[in-house]
């Protein structure tokens, strides 16, 4: 099983999931959030494909153990949209999935005896870290209108 193909397939499923959520969402903020997440997944897919091509050109080992790739645990789309109406921070599920993916690749790298496969798994884990940072930045950007401080001089305009 090709290491990079597994990672790319997982990210393609996540992108399709965010695109579905974008279509199903009613609130403009959620539509924007899921649109940005889908775009971030596409950038991540492109980066993984580039890594795969570079490794193949260098003759690096792309095959891994017979251990199957863990499927991404994505909540049902309709239930996710309904739940987000009650809990806007449910998006943090995406952050948790990215953290879980990083751990998965690092744990798998620790089990592998082949140095080439180990290097590739650690490279994917590092790419997942970069992607996690992008996902967190998307969330911060989407939440910015709700998270602000009022300057003290303008906070209380009433006379004493």
Protein backbone atom coordinates (compact mmCIF):
# COMPACT_ATOMS: atom_id res chain seq x y z
CA UNK A 1 0.00 0.00 0.00
CA UNK A 2 1.46 3.38 -1.04
CA UNK A 3 1.99 5.74 1.89
CA UNK A 4 1.22 8.89 -0.05
CA UNK A 5 -1.82 7.44 -1.83
CA UNK A 6 -3.35 6.58 1.56
CA UNK A 7 -2.74 10.11 2.85
CA UNK A 8 -4.05 11.72 -0.35
CA UNK A 9 -7.20 9.57 -0.34
CA UNK A 10 -7.90 10.54 3.27
CA UNK A 11 -7.49 14.24 2.47
CA UNK A 12 -9.71 13.98 -0.62
CA UNK A 13 -12.47 12.52 1.55
CA UNK A 14 -12.06 15.37 4.02
CA UNK A 15 -12.25 17.93 1.20
CA UNK A 16 -15.45 16.35 -0.18
CA UNK A 17 -16.87 16.34 3.36
CA UNK A 18 -16.19 20.08 3.84
CA UNK A 19 -17.65 20.85 0.43
CA UNK A 20 -20.79 18.93 1.42
CA UNK A 21 -21.01 20.83 4.70
CA UNK A 22 -20.59 24.12 2.83
CA UNK A 23 -23.58 23.26 0.61
CA UNK A 24 -25.69 22.13 3.57
CA UNK A 25 -24.90 25.09 5.84
CA UNK A 26 -27.40 27.90 6.13
CA UNK A 27 -25.30 30.47 7.96
CA UNK A 28 -22.91 32.52 5.79
CA UNK A 29 -20.12 32.24 8.39
CA UNK A 30 -20.32 28.46 8.30
CA UNK A 31 -20.37 28.43 4.50
CA UNK A 32 -17.23 30.57 4.50
CA UNK A 33 -15.57 28.39 7.13
CA UNK A 34 -16.21 25.16 5.24
CA UNK A 35 -15.18 26.76 1.95
CA UNK A 36 -11.86 27.80 3.50
CA UNK A 37 -11.39 24.33 4.99
CA UNK A 38 -12.04 22.68 1.62
CA UNK A 39 -9.49 25.02 0.01
CA UNK A 40 -6.98 24.19 2.75
CA UNK A 41 -7.53 20.47 2.10
CA UNK A 42 -6.86 21.02 -1.61
CA UNK A 43 -3.59 22.79 -0.80
CA UNK A 44 -2.68 19.89 1.47
CA UNK A 45 -3.51 17.36 -1.27
CA UNK A 46 -1.32 19.28 -3.73
CA UNK A 47 1.56 19.33 -1.22
CA UNK A 48 1.26 15.57 -0.63
CA UNK A 49 1.19 14.89 -4.38
CA UNK A 50 4.31 17.02 -4.79
CA UNK A 51 6.04 15.08 -2.00
CA UNK A 52 5.01 11.80 -3.63
CA UNK A 53 6.44 12.84 -6.99
CA UNK A 54 9.69 14.05 -5.41
CA UNK A 55 10.12 10.83 -3.45
CA UNK A 56 9.36 8.68 -6.49
CA UNK A 57 11.86 10.67 -8.59
CA UNK A 58 14.51 10.11 -5.90
CA UNK A 59 13.77 6.39 -5.86
CA UNK A 60 12.52 6.48 -2.27
CA UNK A 61 10.45 3.67 -0.90
CA UNK A 62 6.75 4.56 -1.11
CA UNK A 63 5.30 1.28 0.05
CA UNK A 64 4.55 0.62 3.69
CA UNK A 65 3.49 -2.15 5.99
CA UNK A 66 0.40 -4.18 5.31
CA UNK A 67 -1.17 -2.17 8.08
CA UNK A 68 -4.21 -0.36 6.67
CA UNK A 69 -4.55 3.38 6.98
CA UNK A 70 -6.97 4.37 9.72
CA UNK A 71 -10.08 5.90 8.23
CA UNK A 72 -10.82 9.48 9.16
CA UNK A 73 -13.72 9.67 11.57
CA UNK A 74 -15.96 12.27 9.97
CA UNK A 75 -19.35 12.89 11.57
CA UNK A 76 -22.42 12.55 9.38
CA UNK A 77 -22.81 15.73 7.32
CA UNK A 78 -26.46 16.51 8.11
CA UNK A 79 -25.97 15.85 11.82
CA UNK A 80 -22.85 18.03 11.81
CA UNK A 81 -24.76 20.98 10.29
CA UNK A 82 -27.59 20.61 12.83
CA UNK A 83 -25.14 20.30 15.72
CA UNK A 84 -23.17 23.37 14.59
CA UNK A 85 -26.33 25.46 14.96
CA UNK A 86 -26.27 24.57 18.67
CA UNK A 87 -22.49 24.43 19.11
CA UNK A 88 -20.45 26.66 16.76
CA UNK A 89 -17.18 25.34 18.21
CA UNK A 90 -17.92 21.87 16.91
CA UNK A 91 -15.45 22.77 14.16
CA UNK A 92 -12.71 21.88 16.62
CA UNK A 93 -13.42 18.29 15.54
CA UNK A 94 -11.30 19.05 12.45
CA UNK A 95 -8.41 20.14 14.65
CA UNK A 96 -8.67 16.95 16.70
CA UNK A 97 -8.65 14.83 13.53
CA UNK A 98 -5.50 16.55 12.29
CA UNK A 99 -3.80 15.96 15.65
CA UNK A 100 -4.85 12.31 15.52
CA UNK A 101 -3.39 11.98 12.01
CA UNK A 102 -0.05 13.39 13.17
CA UNK A 103 0.07 10.84 15.99
CA UNK A 104 -0.91 8.05 13.61
CA UNK A 105 1.97 8.75 11.19
CA UNK A 106 4.49 9.19 14.01
CA UNK A 107 3.38 5.97 15.72
CA UNK A 108 3.53 4.08 12.46
CA UNK A 109 7.01 5.48 11.76
CA UNK A 110 8.17 4.20 15.15
CA UNK A 111 6.98 0.68 14.27
CA UNK A 112 8.57 0.53 10.81
CA UNK A 113 11.99 -1.06 10.44
CA UNK A 114 12.71 0.24 6.91
CA UNK A 115 14.50 3.60 7.21
CA UNK A 116 13.13 4.89 3.89
CA UNK A 117 9.53 4.22 4.86
CA UNK A 118 10.16 5.77 8.28
CA UNK A 119 11.50 8.96 6.69
CA UNK A 120 8.46 9.19 4.40
CA UNK A 121 6.06 8.70 7.29
CA UNK A 122 7.81 11.40 9.30
CA UNK A 123 7.67 13.74 6.29
CA UNK A 124 3.93 13.15 6.04
CA UNK A 125 3.59 13.81 9.78
CA UNK A 126 5.46 17.10 9.33
CA UNK A 127 3.19 18.05 6.42
CA UNK A 128 0.20 17.23 8.66
CA UNK A 129 1.63 19.63 11.28
CA UNK A 130 1.78 22.39 8.68
CA UNK A 131 -1.76 21.57 7.62
CA UNK A 132 -2.92 21.66 11.24
CA UNK A 133 -1.50 25.17 11.54
CA UNK A 134 -3.44 26.21 8.43
CA UNK A 135 -6.65 24.69 9.82
CA UNK A 136 -6.15 26.52 13.13
CA UNK A 137 -5.54 29.77 11.24
CA UNK A 138 -8.73 29.26 9.22
CA UNK A 139 -10.63 28.81 12.47
CA UNK A 140 -9.06 31.92 13.99
CA UNK A 141 -9.94 33.92 10.88
CA UNK A 142 -13.52 32.65 10.86
CA UNK A 143 -13.95 33.39 14.57
CA UNK A 144 -12.33 36.86 14.45
CA UNK A 145 -15.62 38.80 14.15
CA UNK A 146 -16.85 37.20 17.38
CA UNK A 147 -13.60 37.58 19.31
CA UNK A 148 -12.65 41.17 19.92
CA UNK A 149 -12.01 43.50 22.80
CA UNK A 150 -13.56 46.89 23.21
CA UNK A 151 -11.11 49.60 24.19
CA UNK A 152 -11.79 50.69 27.78
CA UNK A 153 -12.23 54.33 26.82
CA UNK A 154 -15.15 53.40 24.55
CA UNK A 155 -16.59 50.59 26.67
CA UNK A 156 -18.64 52.79 28.97
CA UNK A 157 -19.96 55.90 27.26
CA UNK A 158 -22.45 56.81 30.01
CA UNK A 159 -21.78 59.78 32.29
CA UNK A 160 -21.21 59.02 35.93
